[in-house]
Amino acid sequence: MLGDSDYEYIYTVEPEEATKFYKIYEIKDGDKCGLLQSIKGDFSVEDAYSLFGQLIIQHLRGGRLIQNHKYDS
């Protein structure tokens, strides 16, 4: 996910955890395009990074965030 023009924000999620998004969004397993479109629709807002982090905390690994990075561009 991209922040404003000065920063790039990245969450890294283990593959076995990422598959849980299909169930969360009620998307057929393996439909990567459908999943990305659903995520894009929910998180195309200014505070997308924070909202996506909340989704990860609520649904993946009992709230354990895998990795969280912020890079200056």
PDB file of N, CA and C in Angstrom:
ATOM      1  N   MET A   1       0.846  -1.166   0.000  1.00  0.00           N
ATOM      2  CA  MET A   1       0.000   0.000   0.000  1.00  0.00           C
ATOM      3  C   MET A   1       0.889   1.225   0.000  1.00  0.00           C
ATOM      4  N   LEU A   2       0.494   2.203  -0.717  1.00  0.00           N
ATOM      5  CA  LEU A   2       1.291   3.413  -0.777  1.00  0.00           C
ATOM      6  C   LEU A   2       0.667   4.499   0.088  1.00  0.00           C
ATOM      7  N   GLY A   3       1.513   5.196   0.825  1.00  0.00           N
ATOM      8  CA  GLY A   3       1.059   6.334   1.607  1.00  0.00           C
ATOM      9  C   GLY A   3       1.134   7.582   0.749  1.00  0.00           C
ATOM     10  N   ASP A   4       1.386   8.723   1.375  1.00  0.00           N
ATOM     11  CA  ASP A   4       1.532   9.942   0.581  1.00  0.00           C
ATOM     12  C   ASP A   4       2.818   9.860  -0.225  1.00  0.00           C
ATOM     13  N   SER A   5       3.164  10.905  -0.928  1.00  0.00           N
ATOM     14  CA  SER A   5       4.298  10.858  -1.840  1.00  0.00           C
ATOM     15  C   SER A   5       5.642  10.690  -1.138  1.00  0.00           C
ATOM     16  N   ASP A   6       5.695  10.874   0.180  1.00  0.00           N
ATOM     17  CA  ASP A   6       6.965  10.777   0.902  1.00  0.00           C
ATOM     18  C   ASP A   6       7.236   9.401   1.496  1.00  0.00           C
ATOM     19  N   TYR A   7       6.237   8.568   1.641  1.00  0.00           N
ATOM     20  CA  TYR A   7       6.410   7.308   2.341  1.00  0.00           C
ATOM     21  C   TYR A   7       5.762   6.154   1.592  1.00  0.00           C
ATOM     22  N   GLU A   8       6.335   4.985   1.770  1.00  0.00           N
ATOM     23  CA  GLU A   8       5.737   3.750   1.286  1.00  0.00           C
ATOM     24  C   GLU A   8       5.588   2.834   2.496  1.00  0.00           C
ATOM     25  N   TYR A   9       4.404   2.324   2.722  1.00  0.00           N
ATOM     26  CA  TYR A   9       4.116   1.477   3.867  1.00  0.00           C
ATOM     27  C   TYR A   9       3.868   0.058   3.374  1.00  0.00           C
ATOM     28  N   ILE A  10       4.419  -0.917   4.100  1.00  0.00           N
ATOM     29  CA  ILE A  10       4.293  -2.309   3.669  1.00  0.00           C
ATOM     30  C   ILE A  10       3.981  -3.209   4.859  1.00  0.00           C
ATOM     31  N   TYR A  11       2.982  -4.069   4.688  1.00  0.00           N
ATOM     32  CA  TYR A  11       2.748  -5.176   5.605  1.00  0.00           C
ATOM     33  C   TYR A  11       3.182  -6.434   4.878  1.00  0.00           C
ATOM     34  N   THR A  12       3.899  -7.307   5.550  1.00  0.00           N
ATOM     35  CA  THR A  12       4.269  -8.600   4.996  1.00  0.00           C
ATOM     36  C   THR A  12       3.560  -9.662   5.817  1.00  0.00           C
ATOM     37  N   VAL A  13       2.799 -10.515   5.139  1.00  0.00           N
ATOM     38  CA  VAL A  13       2.016 -11.552   5.804  1.00  0.00           C
ATOM     39  C   VAL A  13       2.452 -12.897   5.248  1.00  0.00           C
ATOM     40  N   GLU A  14       2.640 -13.866   6.126  1.00  0.00           N
ATOM     41  CA  GLU A  14       3.020 -15.212   5.689  1.00  0.00           C
ATOM     42  C   GLU A  14       1.946 -15.784   4.762  1.00  0.00           C
ATOM     43  N   PRO A  15       2.353 -16.542   3.725  1.00  0.00           N
ATOM     44  CA  PRO A  15       1.393 -17.060   2.745  1.00  0.00           C
ATOM     45  C   PRO A  15       0.227 -17.841   3.351  1.00  0.00           C
ATOM     46  N   GLU A  16       0.504 -18.677   4.343  1.00  0.00           N
ATOM     47  CA  GLU A  16      -0.592 -19.461   4.927  1.00  0.00           C
ATOM     48  C   GLU A  16      -1.578 -18.569   5.668  1.00  0.00           C
ATOM     49  N   GLU A  17      -1.132 -17.430   6.148  1.00  0.00           N
ATOM     50  CA  GLU A  17      -2.031 -16.475   6.782  1.00  0.00           C
ATOM     51  C   GLU A  17      -2.800 -15.685   5.731  1.00  0.00           C
ATOM     52  N   ALA A  18      -2.146 -15.360   4.630  1.00  0.00           N
ATOM     53  CA  ALA A  18      -2.789 -14.575   3.573  1.00  0.00           C
ATOM     54  C   ALA A  18      -3.986 -15.307   2.975  1.00  0.00           C
ATOM     55  N   THR A  19      -3.955 -16.642   2.959  1.00  0.00           N
ATOM     56  CA  THR A  19      -5.082 -17.389   2.393  1.00  0.00           C
ATOM     57  C   THR A  19      -6.376 -17.173   3.191  1.00  0.00           C
ATOM     58  N   LYS A  20      -6.255 -16.725   4.423  1.00  0.00           N
ATOM     59  CA  LYS A  20      -7.447 -16.464   5.237  1.00  0.00           C
ATOM     60  C   LYS A  20      -8.278 -15.313   4.684  1.00  0.00           C
ATOM     61  N   PHE A  21      -7.655 -14.449   3.885  1.00  0.00           N
ATOM     62  CA  PHE A  21      -8.401 -13.336   3.298  1.00  0.00           C
ATOM     63  C   PHE A  21      -9.504 -13.817   2.368  1.00  0.00           C
ATOM     64  N   TYR A  22      -9.324 -14.978   1.726  1.00  0.00           N
ATOM     65  CA  TYR A  22     -10.371 -15.513   0.848  1.00  0.00           C
ATOM     66  C   TYR A  22     -11.648 -15.754   1.647  1.00  0.00           C
ATOM     67  N   LYS A  23     -11.519 -16.318   2.827  1.00  0.00           N
ATOM     68  CA  LYS A  23     -12.685 -16.573   3.664  1.00  0.00           C
ATOM     69  C   LYS A  23     -13.278 -15.263   4.188  1.00  0.00           C
ATOM     70  N   ILE A  24     -12.420 -14.348   4.624  1.00  0.00           N
ATOM     71  CA  ILE A  24     -12.886 -13.061   5.141  1.00  0.00           C
ATOM     72  C   ILE A  24     -13.733 -12.339   4.098  1.00  0.00           C
ATOM     73  N   TYR A  25     -13.281 -12.353   2.845  1.00  0.00           N
ATOM     74  CA  TYR A  25     -13.975 -11.645   1.770  1.00  0.00           C
ATOM     75  C   TYR A  25     -14.951 -12.510   0.996  1.00  0.00           C
ATOM     76  N   GLU A  26     -15.093 -13.764   1.413  1.00  0.00           N
ATOM     77  CA  GLU A  26     -15.993 -14.712   0.752  1.00  0.00           C
ATOM     78  C   GLU A  26     -15.685 -14.814  -0.738  1.00  0.00           C
ATOM     79  N   ILE A  27     -14.395 -14.963  -1.026  1.00  0.00           N
ATOM     80  CA  ILE A  27     -13.888 -15.101  -2.390  1.00  0.00           C
ATOM     81  C   ILE A  27     -13.434 -16.540  -2.575  1.00  0.00           C
ATOM     82  N   LYS A  28     -13.660 -17.087  -3.781  1.00  0.00           N
ATOM     83  CA  LYS A  28     -13.224 -18.446  -4.083  1.00  0.00           C
ATOM     84  C   LYS A  28     -11.719 -18.563  -3.884  1.00  0.00           C
ATOM     85  N   ASP A  29     -11.282 -19.622  -3.171  1.00  0.00           N
ATOM     86  CA  ASP A  29      -9.846 -19.846  -2.940  1.00  0.00           C
ATOM     87  C   ASP A  29      -9.082 -19.792  -4.254  1.00  0.00           C
ATOM     88  N   GLY A  30      -7.997 -19.046  -4.253  1.00  0.00           N
ATOM     89  CA  GLY A  30      -7.144 -18.950  -5.421  1.00  0.00           C
ATOM     90  C   GLY A  30      -7.488 -17.828  -6.382  1.00  0.00           C
ATOM     91  N   ASP A  31      -8.627 -17.167  -6.190  1.00  0.00           N
ATOM     92  CA  ASP A  31      -9.023 -16.054  -7.068  1.00  0.00           C
ATOM     93  C   ASP A  31      -8.296 -14.782  -6.625  1.00  0.00           C
ATOM     94  N   LYS A  32      -7.020 -14.706  -6.974  1.00  0.00           N
ATOM     95  CA  LYS A  32      -6.189 -13.586  -6.533  1.00  0.00           C
ATOM     96  C   LYS A  32      -6.716 -12.245  -7.038  1.00  0.00           C
ATOM     97  N   CYS A  33      -7.157 -12.208  -8.286  1.00  0.00           N
ATOM     98  CA  CYS A  33      -7.664 -10.964  -8.859  1.00  0.00           C
ATOM     99  C   CYS A  33      -8.905 -10.495  -8.100  1.00  0.00           C
ATOM    100  N   GLY A  34      -9.831 -11.403  -7.844  1.00  0.00           N
ATOM    101  CA  GLY A  34     -11.040 -11.060  -7.094  1.00  0.00           C
ATOM    102  C   GLY A  34     -10.719 -10.589  -5.687  1.00  0.00           C
ATOM    103  N   LEU A  35      -9.762 -11.251  -5.058  1.00  0.00           N
ATOM    104  CA  LEU A  35      -9.357 -10.874  -3.709  1.00  0.00           C
ATOM    105  C   LEU A  35      -8.736  -9.482  -3.699  1.00  0.00           C
ATOM    106  N   LEU A  36      -7.821  -9.227  -4.640  1.00  0.00           N
ATOM    107  CA  LEU A  36      -7.182  -7.915  -4.700  1.00  0.00           C
ATOM    108  C   LEU A  36      -8.192  -6.806  -4.985  1.00  0.00           C
ATOM    109  N   GLN A  37      -9.175  -7.084  -5.835  1.00  0.00           N
ATOM    110  CA  GLN A  37     -10.207  -6.083  -6.113  1.00  0.00           C
ATOM    111  C   GLN A  37     -11.033  -5.785  -4.865  1.00  0.00           C
ATOM    112  N   SER A  38     -11.344  -6.809  -4.088  1.00  0.00           N
ATOM    113  CA  SER A  38     -12.098  -6.611  -2.848  1.00  0.00           C
ATOM    114  C   SER A  38     -11.295  -5.802  -1.839  1.00  0.00           C
ATOM    115  N   ILE A  39     -10.036  -6.151  -1.683  1.00  0.00           N
ATOM    116  CA  ILE A  39      -9.178  -5.417  -0.754  1.00  0.00           C
ATOM    117  C   ILE A  39      -9.029  -3.965  -1.220  1.00  0.00           C
ATOM    118  N   LYS A  40      -8.799  -3.781  -2.501  1.00  0.00           N
ATOM    119  CA  LYS A  40      -8.651  -2.429  -3.059  1.00  0.00           C
ATOM    120  C   LYS A  40      -9.899  -1.599  -2.780  1.00  0.00           C
ATOM    121  N   GLY A  41     -11.076  -2.186  -2.948  1.00  0.00           N
ATOM    122  CA  GLY A  41     -12.325  -1.466  -2.713  1.00  0.00           C
ATOM    123  C   GLY A  41     -12.483  -1.020  -1.271  1.00  0.00           C
ATOM    124  N   ASP A  42     -12.012  -1.831  -0.344  1.00  0.00           N
ATOM    125  CA  ASP A  42     -12.142  -1.502   1.078  1.00  0.00           C
ATOM    126  C   ASP A  42     -11.063  -0.550   1.575  1.00  0.00           C
ATOM    127  N   PHE A  43      -9.932  -0.527   0.915  1.00  0.00           N
ATOM    128  CA  PHE A  43      -8.794   0.202   1.457  1.00  0.00           C
ATOM    129  C   PHE A  43      -8.231   1.266   0.513  1.00  0.00           C
ATOM    130  N   SER A  44      -9.061   1.824  -0.323  1.00  0.00           N
ATOM    131  CA  SER A  44      -8.641   2.919  -1.200  1.00  0.00           C
ATOM    132  C   SER A  44      -9.017   4.253  -0.568  1.00  0.00           C
ATOM    133  N   VAL A  45      -8.553   4.443   0.643  1.00  0.00           N
ATOM    134  CA  VAL A  45      -8.844   5.659   1.402  1.00  0.00           C
ATOM    135  C   VAL A  45      -7.551   6.157   2.041  1.00  0.00           C
ATOM    136  N   GLU A  46      -7.580   7.366   2.555  1.00  0.00           N
ATOM    137  CA  GLU A  46      -6.384   7.991   3.119  1.00  0.00           C
ATOM    138  C   GLU A  46      -5.763   7.186   4.261  1.00  0.00           C
ATOM    139  N   ASP A  47      -6.583   6.607   5.122  1.00  0.00           N
ATOM    140  CA  ASP A  47      -6.060   5.850   6.267  1.00  0.00           C
ATOM    141  C   ASP A  47      -6.047   4.343   6.011  1.00  0.00           C
ATOM    142  N   ALA A  48      -5.830   3.969   4.747  1.00  0.00           N
ATOM    143  CA  ALA A  48      -5.852   2.564   4.349  1.00  0.00           C
ATOM    144  C   ALA A  48      -4.860   1.707   5.127  1.00  0.00           C
ATOM    145  N   TYR A  49      -3.675   2.216   5.343  1.00  0.00           N
ATOM    146  CA  TYR A  49      -2.643   1.439   6.025  1.00  0.00           C
ATOM    147  C   TYR A  49      -3.088   1.065   7.437  1.00  0.00           C
ATOM    148  N   SER A  50      -3.619   2.014   8.169  1.00  0.00           N
ATOM    149  CA  SER A  50      -4.088   1.749   9.531  1.00  0.00           C
ATOM    150  C   SER A  50      -5.274   0.793   9.533  1.00  0.00           C
ATOM    151  N   LEU A  51      -6.199   1.000   8.618  1.00  0.00           N
ATOM    152  CA  LEU A  51      -7.372   0.119   8.533  1.00  0.00           C
ATOM    153  C   LEU A  51      -6.973  -1.303   8.176  1.00  0.00           C
ATOM    154  N   PHE A  52      -6.038  -1.453   7.244  1.00  0.00           N
ATOM    155  CA  PHE A  52      -5.581  -2.782   6.866  1.00  0.00           C
ATOM    156  C   PHE A  52      -4.876  -3.451   8.038  1.00  0.00           C
ATOM    157  N   GLY A  53      -4.115  -2.692   8.795  1.00  0.00           N
ATOM    158  CA  GLY A  53      -3.472  -3.215   9.993  1.00  0.00           C
ATOM    159  C   GLY A  53      -4.492  -3.734  10.995  1.00  0.00           C
ATOM    160  N   GLN A  54      -5.594  -3.011  11.145  1.00  0.00           N
ATOM    161  CA  GLN A  54      -6.659  -3.463  12.051  1.00  0.00           C
ATOM    162  C   GLN A  54      -7.263  -4.772  11.567  1.00  0.00           C
ATOM    163  N   LEU A  55      -7.452  -4.908  10.253  1.00  0.00           N
ATOM    164  CA  LEU A  55      -7.980  -6.158   9.693  1.00  0.00           C
ATOM    165  C   LEU A  55      -7.035  -7.314  10.005  1.00  0.00           C
ATOM    166  N   ILE A  56      -5.738  -7.094   9.842  1.00  0.00           N
ATOM    167  CA  ILE A  56      -4.753  -8.127  10.143  1.00  0.00           C
ATOM    168  C   ILE A  56      -4.821  -8.512  11.621  1.00  0.00           C
ATOM    169  N   ILE A  57      -4.867  -7.529  12.488  1.00  0.00           N
ATOM    170  CA  ILE A  57      -4.913  -7.795  13.927  1.00  0.00           C
ATOM    171  C   ILE A  57      -6.161  -8.585  14.300  1.00  0.00           C
ATOM    172  N   GLN A  58      -7.275  -8.284  13.683  1.00  0.00           N
ATOM    173  CA  GLN A  58      -8.536  -8.956  14.007  1.00  0.00           C
ATOM    174  C   GLN A  58      -8.601 -10.387  13.489  1.00  0.00           C
ATOM    175  N   HIS A  59      -7.985 -10.661  12.335  1.00  0.00           N
ATOM    176  CA  HIS A  59      -8.248 -11.938  11.666  1.00  0.00           C
ATOM    177  C   HIS A  59      -7.066 -12.878  11.490  1.00  0.00           C
ATOM    178  N   LEU A  60      -5.850 -12.387  11.614  1.00  0.00           N
ATOM    179  CA  LEU A  60      -4.719 -13.257  11.342  1.00  0.00           C
ATOM    180  C   LEU A  60      -3.926 -13.550  12.600  1.00  0.00           C
ATOM    181  N   ARG A  61      -3.638 -14.806  12.826  1.00  0.00           N
ATOM    182  CA  ARG A  61      -2.794 -15.270  13.928  1.00  0.00           C
ATOM    183  C   ARG A  61      -3.212 -14.713  15.271  1.00  0.00           C
ATOM    184  N   GLY A  62      -4.487 -14.624  15.522  1.00  0.00           N
ATOM    185  CA  GLY A  62      -4.944 -14.145  16.816  1.00  0.00           C
ATOM    186  C   GLY A  62      -4.457 -12.747  17.138  1.00  0.00           C
ATOM    187  N   GLY A  63      -4.251 -11.940  16.110  1.00  0.00           N
ATOM    188  CA  GLY A  63      -3.859 -10.559  16.332  1.00  0.00           C
ATOM    189  C   GLY A  63      -2.377 -10.298  16.230  1.00  0.00           C
ATOM    190  N   ARG A  64      -1.575 -11.322  15.938  1.00  0.00           N
ATOM    191  CA  ARG A  64      -0.128 -11.101  15.834  1.00  0.00           C
ATOM    192  C   ARG A  64       0.212 -10.570  14.450  1.00  0.00           C
ATOM    193  N   LEU A  65       0.762  -9.377  14.412  1.00  0.00           N
ATOM    194  CA  LEU A  65       1.200  -8.770  13.154  1.00  0.00           C
ATOM    195  C   LEU A  65       2.498  -9.434  12.731  1.00  0.00           C
ATOM    196  N   ILE A  66       2.572  -9.859  11.490  1.00  0.00           N
ATOM    197  CA  ILE A  66       3.749 -10.577  11.023  1.00  0.00           C
ATOM    198  C   ILE A  66       4.933  -9.624  10.876  1.00  0.00           C
ATOM    199  N   GLN A  67       4.842  -8.624  10.015  1.00  0.00           N
ATOM    200  CA  GLN A  67       5.885  -7.616   9.870  1.00  0.00           C
ATOM    201  C   GLN A  67       5.229  -6.311   9.464  1.00  0.00           C
ATOM    202  N   ASN A  68       5.829  -5.223   9.846  1.00  0.00           N
ATOM    203  CA  ASN A  68       5.315  -3.900   9.551  1.00  0.00           C
ATOM    204  C   ASN A  68       6.504  -3.009   9.237  1.00  0.00           C
ATOM    205  N   HIS A  69       6.541  -2.439   8.034  1.00  0.00           N
ATOM    206  CA  HIS A  69       7.673  -1.640   7.591  1.00  0.00           C
ATOM    207  C   HIS A  69       7.200  -0.261   7.130  1.00  0.00           C
ATOM    208  N   LYS A  70       8.032   0.741   7.329  1.00  0.00           N
ATOM    209  CA  LYS A  70       7.801   2.063   6.768  1.00  0.00           C
ATOM    210  C   LYS A  70       9.111   2.507   6.140  1.00  0.00           C
ATOM    211  N   TYR A  71       9.054   2.866   4.870  1.00  0.00           N
ATOM    212  CA  TYR A  71      10.242   3.278   4.140  1.00  0.00           C
ATOM    213  C   TYR A  71      10.099   4.730   3.718  1.00  0.00           C
ATOM    214  N   ASP A  72      11.166   5.485   3.856  1.00  0.00           N
ATOM    215  CA  ASP A  72      11.206   6.842   3.285  1.00  0.00           C
ATOM    216  C   ASP A  72      11.550   6.689   1.820  1.00  0.00           C
ATOM    217  N   SER A  73      10.866   7.424   0.955  1.00  0.00           N
ATOM    218  CA  SER A  73      11.189   7.345  -0.470  1.00  0.00           C
ATOM    219  C   SER A  73      11.979   8.541  -0.928  1.00  0.00           C
TER     220      SER A  73
END
